[in-house]
Amino acid sequence: HSGLRNVLPITTAKVPIVKFFHVRSGLEVDISLYNTLALHNTRLLSSYAAIDPRVKYLCYTMKVFTKIYKEPKKPEILVDGWNVYFFDKLEELSVIWPEYGKNTESIGQLWLGLLRFYTEDFDFKEHVICIRRKSLLTTFKKQWTSKYIVIEDPFDLNHNLGAGLSRKMTNFIMKAFINGRRVFGTPIKIFPKEYPSKMEYFFDPEVLTEGELAPNDRCCRICGKIGHFMKDCPLRRKLRRRQDFEDTINQRYAENKEKRSKEDKEIQNKAIERESSVKEGKSELCTPPKSKLTRASLEVGRDKALRQSAEKRKRLEDRDLREKRCFICGREGHIKKECPQYKGATGSLSNKYMTQGKASQKRTQQES
């Protein structure tokens, strides 16, 4: 939807919801399906607001303050196994509740009284926050051992709404309540000039939380959002899928590289074997791959190759004979040094030179 922003599904909660921001109205919205208890809870709050108009102002003030969107026997109205009964006959309320309409405190007095009650009177270690009874409900009676803020669901009485709070978040909330009690309980005549409105003065987060950010120890450590654990983080799944895809590509590349290297080695080995066979005088038969030749066809091919090689050798010899021509006698078949005439002339010249050498040697001895 084009008018929605910051859509966040929280699927691992007890009641899965989809959170988003509605641009046109400026409201933050939660949507859940088949959560019938929420319908009765809404009717309960509507009845409270109809009883006393100050209730909705107090609820809204608490919403802005915290920024959280989060025993006599009575008749039973079972929904999903839980008793959702509450007295909603408002026209008969004055008969059953004698104190109806007797509280005349202002909204400011009620708000300051709420802060004073939870910062000065209420013991969070011993008592449970409960809206269905006037007297205090102890954690011992509920058999809840939580050391932090304990809040009872008005319908699902076994559900502790504060079970998800950590120690850091509990301290953060209590510090904000204590600072809020001091800010709202201190009279002021002139507001500081750096605050453009009274609301920004009373709800200044730098003052209420002392400049600290809300702890995120309940958030996902990967994406920083709430509503899911680290193992269910969509960002982690996306990164894991990308990593698996890259690993698959790298593995295929390594396999192809190894296959190519093996093929190169095989080709190199075949070339070496071929060269060695040629050096040893062995004839090599070129047969097409993956062909099944019989012994007779192999012998025929071998005889044909030998015959071709003999004919080739004879042609080479004939060519060598044709190329041999003597420059003395002009005949083919021999060269100059093999010619009989050349050999005879060379022999007579050598005898002449030997005779002249001997005569000169004898003459030299006589002179000496």
Protein backbone atom coordinates (compact mmCIF):
# COMPACT_ATOMS: atom_id res chain seq x y z
CA HIS A 1 0.00 0.00 0.00
CA SER A 2 1.46 3.33 -1.05
CA GLY A 3 0.24 5.13 2.09
CA LEU A 4 2.07 2.85 4.54
CA ARG A 5 5.67 3.15 5.72
CA ASN A 6 8.03 1.16 7.96
CA VAL A 7 6.13 -2.12 7.55
CA LEU A 8 7.52 -4.64 10.07
CA PRO A 9 6.05 -8.16 10.54
CA ILE A 10 6.59 -9.66 13.99
CA THR A 11 5.81 -13.34 13.43
CA THR A 12 7.47 -14.94 16.45
CA ALA A 13 5.41 -13.15 19.11
CA LYS A 14 2.65 -14.89 21.02
CA VAL A 15 0.17 -12.85 18.98
CA PRO A 16 1.80 -12.22 15.55
CA ILE A 17 1.26 -8.68 14.30
CA VAL A 18 2.26 -6.39 11.45
CA LYS A 19 3.44 -2.93 12.50
CA PHE A 20 3.42 0.04 10.13
CA PHE A 21 3.08 3.82 9.98
CA HIS A 22 0.03 5.36 8.29
CA VAL A 23 1.27 8.47 6.49
CA ARG A 24 -2.04 10.27 6.03
CA SER A 25 -3.18 10.07 9.65
CA GLY A 26 0.28 10.02 11.22
CA LEU A 27 -0.65 7.00 13.34
CA GLU A 28 1.39 3.92 14.18
CA VAL A 29 -0.77 0.84 13.61
CA ASP A 30 -0.65 -2.82 14.68
CA ILE A 31 -2.69 -5.41 12.76
CA SER A 32 -3.35 -8.95 13.95
CA LEU A 33 -5.65 -11.71 12.69
CA TYR A 34 -7.96 -13.95 14.74
CA ASN A 35 -7.00 -12.22 18.00
CA THR A 36 -10.46 -12.22 19.51
CA LEU A 37 -9.22 -11.34 23.00
CA ALA A 38 -8.10 -7.94 21.70
CA LEU A 39 -11.68 -7.12 20.70
CA HIS A 40 -12.93 -7.62 24.24
CA ASN A 41 -9.94 -5.73 25.61
CA THR A 42 -10.83 -2.77 23.38
CA ARG A 43 -14.42 -2.85 24.61
CA LEU A 44 -13.14 -2.88 28.18
CA LEU A 45 -11.02 0.24 27.60
CA SER A 46 -13.94 1.91 25.82
CA SER A 47 -16.13 1.26 28.84
CA TYR A 48 -13.50 2.74 31.16
CA ALA A 49 -13.33 5.86 28.99
CA ALA A 50 -17.14 6.13 28.95
CA ILE A 51 -17.29 5.90 32.74
CA ASP A 52 -14.89 8.78 33.24
CA PRO A 53 -13.65 11.01 30.38
CA ARG A 54 -10.39 11.58 32.23
CA VAL A 55 -9.37 7.95 31.64
CA LYS A 56 -8.58 8.41 27.95
CA TYR A 57 -6.46 11.47 28.70
CA LEU A 58 -4.50 9.53 31.30
CA CYS A 59 -4.05 6.58 28.92
CA TYR A 60 -2.88 8.86 26.14
CA THR A 61 -0.52 10.67 28.51
CA MET A 62 0.96 7.33 29.56
CA LYS A 63 1.37 6.37 25.90
CA VAL A 64 3.27 9.56 25.14
CA PHE A 65 5.31 9.26 28.32
CA THR A 66 6.54 5.69 27.84
CA LYS A 67 6.50 5.48 24.02
CA ILE A 68 5.37 1.84 24.43
CA TYR A 69 2.86 0.34 22.02
CA LYS A 70 2.92 -2.51 23.67
CA GLU A 71 -11.36 -11.72 43.28
CA PRO A 72 -14.78 -12.52 43.85
CA LYS A 73 -16.01 -15.08 41.42
CA LYS A 74 -17.44 -13.55 38.29
CA PRO A 75 -19.51 -14.91 35.42
CA GLU A 76 -17.65 -16.65 32.64
CA ILE A 77 -17.57 -15.79 28.95
CA LEU A 78 -15.04 -18.19 27.47
CA VAL A 79 -13.15 -17.15 24.33
CA ASP A 80 -10.25 -19.33 23.21
CA GLY A 81 -10.33 -20.92 26.66
CA TRP A 82 -10.12 -17.65 28.61
CA ASN A 83 -12.75 -15.82 30.64
CA VAL A 84 -13.29 -12.39 29.05
CA TYR A 85 -16.17 -11.29 31.24
CA PHE A 86 -16.34 -7.75 32.56
CA PHE A 87 -19.28 -5.63 33.68
CA ASP A 88 -20.33 -3.54 30.69
CA LYS A 89 -23.84 -2.50 31.70
CA LEU A 90 -22.92 1.11 32.34
CA GLU A 91 -26.46 2.25 33.10
CA GLU A 92 -26.50 -0.08 36.14
CA LEU A 93 -22.99 0.74 37.29
CA SER A 94 -24.02 3.29 39.92
CA VAL A 95 -26.07 0.62 41.69
CA ILE A 96 -23.21 -1.88 41.90
CA TRP A 97 -20.41 0.66 42.44
CA PRO A 98 -21.36 3.13 45.17
CA GLU A 99 -18.18 5.23 44.72
CA TYR A 100 -18.97 5.91 41.06
CA GLY A 101 -18.41 9.60 40.22
CA LYS A 102 -17.06 10.61 43.66
CA ASN A 103 -13.48 11.20 42.52
CA THR A 104 -13.17 14.88 41.52
CA GLU A 105 -9.39 15.19 41.06
CA SER A 106 -8.09 16.92 37.93
CA ILE A 107 -6.20 15.14 35.19
CA GLY A 108 -2.93 16.70 36.38
CA GLN A 109 -3.55 15.50 39.94
CA LEU A 110 -4.34 11.99 38.74
CA TRP A 111 -1.23 11.88 36.52
CA LEU A 112 1.04 13.12 39.30
CA GLY A 113 -0.60 10.67 41.70
CA LEU A 114 0.08 7.81 39.27
CA LEU A 115 3.78 8.74 39.08
CA ARG A 116 3.99 9.14 42.85
CA PHE A 117 2.31 5.75 43.42
CA TYR A 118 4.68 3.78 41.15
CA THR A 119 7.82 5.59 42.34
CA GLU A 120 7.10 5.85 46.07
CA ASP A 121 4.41 3.39 47.20
CA PHE A 122 4.37 0.41 44.84
CA ASP A 123 6.87 -2.39 45.50
CA PHE A 124 7.72 -4.02 42.16
CA LYS A 125 9.51 -6.94 43.85
CA GLU A 126 6.48 -7.93 45.95
CA HIS A 127 3.43 -6.85 43.96
CA VAL A 128 1.84 -7.39 40.56
CA ILE A 129 0.38 -4.60 38.44
CA CYS A 130 -3.28 -5.65 38.14
CA ILE A 131 -6.31 -3.63 36.93
CA ARG A 132 -9.02 -6.17 37.81
CA ARG A 133 -8.91 -5.71 41.59
CA LYS A 134 -8.63 -2.89 44.10
CA SER A 135 -6.38 -4.60 46.66
CA LEU A 136 -2.74 -5.33 45.90
CA LEU A 137 -1.87 -8.68 44.29
CA THR A 138 1.41 -10.26 45.44
CA THR A 139 3.87 -12.18 43.30
CA PHE A 140 3.78 -14.92 45.97
CA LYS A 141 0.07 -15.47 45.35
CA LYS A 142 0.58 -15.51 41.59
CA GLN A 143 3.62 -17.79 42.04
CA TRP A 144 5.61 -15.58 39.70
CA THR A 145 9.33 -15.32 40.49
CA SER A 146 10.28 -12.50 38.12
CA LYS A 147 12.56 -9.87 39.69
CA TYR A 148 11.45 -7.13 37.32
CA ILE A 149 8.16 -5.42 36.48
CA VAL A 150 5.25 -7.91 36.65
CA ILE A 151 1.98 -7.09 34.84
CA GLU A 152 -1.05 -9.38 34.79
CA ASP A 153 -3.07 -9.73 31.60
CA PRO A 154 -6.73 -8.82 32.42
CA PHE A 155 -8.07 -11.93 30.63
CA ASP A 156 -5.20 -14.42 30.31
CA LEU A 157 -4.35 -14.47 33.99
CA ASN A 158 -1.35 -16.75 33.44
CA HIS A 159 0.25 -14.30 31.05
CA ASN A 160 2.86 -11.94 32.49
CA LEU A 161 3.00 -8.92 30.18
CA GLY A 162 6.35 -7.90 31.69
CA ALA A 163 8.06 -11.24 31.05
CA GLY A 164 9.98 -9.81 28.11
CA LEU A 165 11.61 -7.04 30.13
CA SER A 166 15.31 -7.30 30.88
CA ARG A 167 17.16 -5.81 33.83
CA LYS A 168 18.50 -2.94 31.73
CA MET A 169 15.05 -2.10 30.37
CA THR A 170 13.53 -2.25 33.87
CA ASN A 171 16.12 0.20 35.20
CA PHE A 172 15.56 2.43 32.17
CA ILE A 173 11.77 2.53 32.79
CA MET A 174 12.12 3.16 36.53
CA LYS A 175 14.62 5.97 35.94
CA ALA A 176 12.17 7.59 33.49
CA PHE A 177 9.35 7.32 36.06
CA ILE A 178 11.49 8.87 38.80
CA ASN A 179 12.62 11.74 36.56
CA GLY A 180 9.03 12.22 35.37
CA ARG A 181 7.85 12.42 38.97
CA ARG A 182 10.41 15.16 39.62
CA VAL A 183 9.64 17.13 36.42
CA PHE A 184 5.85 17.01 36.72
CA GLY A 185 5.91 17.50 40.50
CA THR A 186 8.08 20.63 40.44
CA PRO A 187 6.08 23.86 39.99
CA ILE A 188 7.39 26.20 37.30
CA LYS A 189 6.25 29.71 36.44
CA ILE A 190 8.41 30.54 33.44
CA PHE A 191 9.33 27.88 30.90
CA PRO A 192 12.87 27.95 29.44
CA LYS A 193 13.13 29.67 26.07
CA GLU A 194 14.75 26.65 24.39
CA TYR A 195 11.42 24.80 24.63
CA PRO A 196 8.89 26.00 22.01
CA SER A 197 5.97 24.39 23.88
CA LYS A 198 5.04 23.07 27.31
CA MET A 199 4.68 19.52 25.97
CA GLU A 200 8.28 19.49 24.76
CA TYR A 201 9.38 20.69 28.17
CA PHE A 202 7.58 17.98 30.16
CA PHE A 203 8.34 15.19 27.66
CA ASP A 204 11.98 16.03 26.96
CA PRO A 205 13.76 12.66 26.51
CA GLU A 206 17.10 14.24 27.47
CA VAL A 207 15.63 14.99 30.90
CA LEU A 208 13.43 11.93 31.43
CA THR A 209 16.06 9.39 30.35
CA GLU A 210 19.13 11.51 31.22
CA GLY A 211 20.25 11.34 27.60
CA GLU A 212 20.45 7.54 27.52
CA LEU A 213 19.08 5.43 24.69
CA ALA A 214 16.65 2.61 25.36
CA PRO A 215 18.60 -0.67 25.73
CA ASN A 216 18.36 -2.98 22.75
CA ASP A 217 19.36 -6.22 24.50
CA ARG A 218 15.98 -7.69 23.52
CA CYS A 219 16.51 -6.80 19.87
CA CYS A 220 18.04 -8.93 17.18
CA ARG A 221 21.82 -8.62 17.26
CA ILE A 222 22.04 -8.59 13.46
CA CYS A 223 19.39 -6.13 12.26
CA GLY A 224 18.58 -4.46 15.60
CA LYS A 225 14.81 -4.96 15.28
CA ILE A 226 12.48 -6.56 17.80
CA GLY A 227 10.02 -9.39 17.28
CA HIS A 228 12.39 -12.20 16.28
CA PHE A 229 15.48 -14.01 17.46
CA MET A 230 18.87 -13.88 15.76
CA LYS A 231 18.38 -17.32 14.21
CA ASP A 232 15.12 -16.13 12.57
CA CYS A 233 16.51 -12.80 11.32
CA PRO A 234 15.48 -12.19 7.67
CA LEU A 235 18.69 -10.25 7.05
CA ARG A 236 20.74 -13.21 8.27
CA ARG A 237 18.80 -15.56 5.99
CA LYS A 238 19.43 -13.24 3.05
CA LEU A 239 23.16 -13.08 3.80
CA ARG A 240 23.28 -16.86 4.22
CA ARG A 241 21.55 -17.43 0.86
CA ARG A 242 23.98 -15.05 -0.83
CA GLN A 243 26.95 -16.80 0.81
CA ASP A 244 25.65 -20.22 -0.25
CA PHE A 245 25.24 -18.94 -3.82
CA GLU A 246 28.80 -17.59 -3.85
CA ASP A 247 30.13 -20.85 -2.38
CA THR A 248 28.32 -22.81 -5.10
CA ILE A 249 29.84 -20.61 -7.81
CA ASN A 250 33.31 -20.91 -6.28
CA GLN A 251 32.94 -24.68 -5.98
CA ARG A 252 31.87 -24.98 -9.62
CA TYR A 253 34.80 -22.80 -10.67
CA ALA A 254 37.22 -24.97 -8.67
CA GLU A 255 35.76 -28.15 -10.15
CA ASN A 256 35.98 -26.78 -13.70
CA LYS A 257 39.54 -25.59 -13.09
CA GLU A 258 40.55 -29.01 -11.75
CA LYS A 259 38.87 -30.71 -14.70
CA ARG A 260 40.69 -28.46 -17.17
CA SER A 261 44.03 -29.10 -15.46
CA LYS A 262 43.45 -32.87 -15.69
CA GLU A 263 42.60 -32.60 -19.38
CA ASP A 264 45.73 -30.50 -19.99
CA LYS A 265 47.87 -33.09 -18.20
CA GLU A 266 46.33 -35.91 -20.23
CA ILE A 267 46.99 -34.04 -23.50
CA GLN A 268 50.56 -33.33 -22.41
CA ASN A 269 51.15 -36.97 -21.48
CA LYS A 270 49.76 -38.14 -24.83
CA ALA A 271 52.04 -35.71 -26.65
CA ILE A 272 55.08 -37.00 -24.71
CA GLU A 273 54.16 -40.62 -25.46
CA ARG A 274 53.72 -39.77 -29.15
CA GLU A 275 57.14 -38.09 -29.32
CA SER A 276 58.83 -41.02 -27.58
CA SER A 277 57.19 -43.50 -29.96
CA VAL A 278 58.35 -41.48 -32.96
CA LYS A 279 61.91 -41.40 -31.60
CA GLU A 280 61.90 -45.17 -31.14
CA GLY A 281 60.74 -45.66 -34.75
CA LYS A 282 57.31 -46.92 -33.87
CA SER A 283 54.48 -46.06 -36.15
CA GLU A 284 51.43 -44.60 -34.53
CA LEU A 285 47.91 -45.34 -35.66
CA CYS A 286 45.41 -42.51 -35.57
CA THR A 287 42.10 -44.07 -34.62
CA PRO A 288 38.98 -42.07 -33.91
CA PRO A 289 37.98 -41.97 -30.22
CA LYS A 290 35.37 -44.32 -28.88
CA SER A 291 35.57 -46.61 -31.99
CA LYS A 292 35.57 -50.35 -31.65
CA LEU A 293 37.99 -51.85 -34.23
CA THR A 294 38.47 -55.54 -34.74
CA ARG A 295 41.86 -57.25 -34.88
CA ALA A 296 41.66 -57.69 -38.66
CA SER A 297 40.99 -54.00 -39.27
CA LEU A 298 43.92 -53.10 -37.01
CA GLU A 299 46.27 -55.41 -38.98
CA VAL A 300 45.05 -54.02 -42.30
CA GLY A 301 45.62 -50.51 -41.08
CA ARG A 302 49.11 -51.41 -39.82
CA ASP A 303 50.10 -53.02 -43.18
CA LYS A 304 48.74 -50.03 -45.06
CA ALA A 305 50.71 -47.63 -42.89
CA LEU A 306 53.92 -49.68 -43.40
CA ARG A 307 53.38 -49.80 -47.15
CA GLN A 308 52.78 -46.08 -47.32
CA SER A 309 55.91 -45.38 -45.27
CA ALA A 310 58.01 -47.66 -47.60
CA GLU A 311 56.67 -45.94 -50.68
CA LYS A 312 57.40 -42.58 -49.16
CA ARG A 313 60.96 -43.63 -48.31
CA LYS A 314 61.52 -44.85 -51.90
CA ARG A 315 60.21 -41.58 -53.33
CA LEU A 316 62.60 -39.70 -51.13
CA GLU A 317 65.52 -41.85 -52.26
CA ASP A 318 64.60 -41.36 -55.96
CA ARG A 319 64.41 -37.64 -55.42
CA ASP A 320 67.81 -37.65 -53.73
CA LEU A 321 69.27 -39.59 -56.70
CA ARG A 322 67.76 -37.12 -59.18
CA GLU A 323 69.13 -34.21 -57.25
CA LYS A 324 72.68 -35.74 -57.25
CA ARG A 325 74.58 -34.59 -60.40
CA CYS A 326 78.36 -34.52 -60.86
CA PHE A 327 79.86 -31.23 -62.03
CA ILE A 328 82.89 -32.98 -63.61
CA CYS A 329 81.36 -35.74 -65.74
CA GLY A 330 77.76 -34.43 -65.83
CA ARG A 331 76.20 -37.76 -64.88
CA GLU A 332 73.41 -38.31 -62.23
CA GLY A 333 73.68 -40.60 -59.25
CA HIS A 334 76.84 -39.21 -57.69
CA ILE A 335 78.36 -35.94 -56.67
CA LYS A 336 81.79 -34.40 -57.39
CA LYS A 337 83.70 -36.11 -54.61
CA GLU A 338 82.31 -39.51 -55.69
CA CYS A 339 83.23 -39.05 -59.40
CA PRO A 340 85.96 -41.49 -60.68
CA GLN A 341 87.59 -38.75 -62.74
CA TYR A 342 87.79 -36.48 -59.72
CA LYS A 343 89.30 -39.26 -57.61
CA GLY A 344 91.93 -40.02 -60.40
CA ALA A 345 92.93 -36.38 -60.76
CA THR A 346 93.19 -35.96 -57.04
CA GLY A 347 95.43 -39.07 -56.77
CA SER A 348 97.87 -37.93 -59.51
CA LEU A 349 98.16 -34.48 -57.95
CA SER A 350 98.87 -35.96 -54.55
CA ASN A 351 101.65 -38.24 -56.03
CA LYS A 352 103.24 -35.24 -57.79
CA TYR A 353 103.23 -33.22 -54.57
CA MET A 354 104.78 -36.13 -52.66
CA THR A 355 107.65 -36.55 -55.26
CA GLN A 356 108.46 -32.84 -55.20
CA GLY A 357 108.51 -32.88 -51.40
CA LYS A 358 110.94 -35.75 -51.21
CA ALA A 359 113.34 -34.12 -53.76
CA SER A 360 113.41 -30.84 -51.87
CA GLN A 361 114.10 -32.67 -48.62
CA LYS A 362 117.08 -34.58 -50.19
CA ARG A 363 118.55 -31.35 -51.58
CA THR A 364 118.37 -29.67 -48.22
CA GLN A 365 120.26 -32.53 -46.56
CA GLN A 366 123.10 -32.38 -49.17
CA GLU A 367 123.53 -28.66 -48.65
CA SER A 368 123.78 -29.09 -44.94
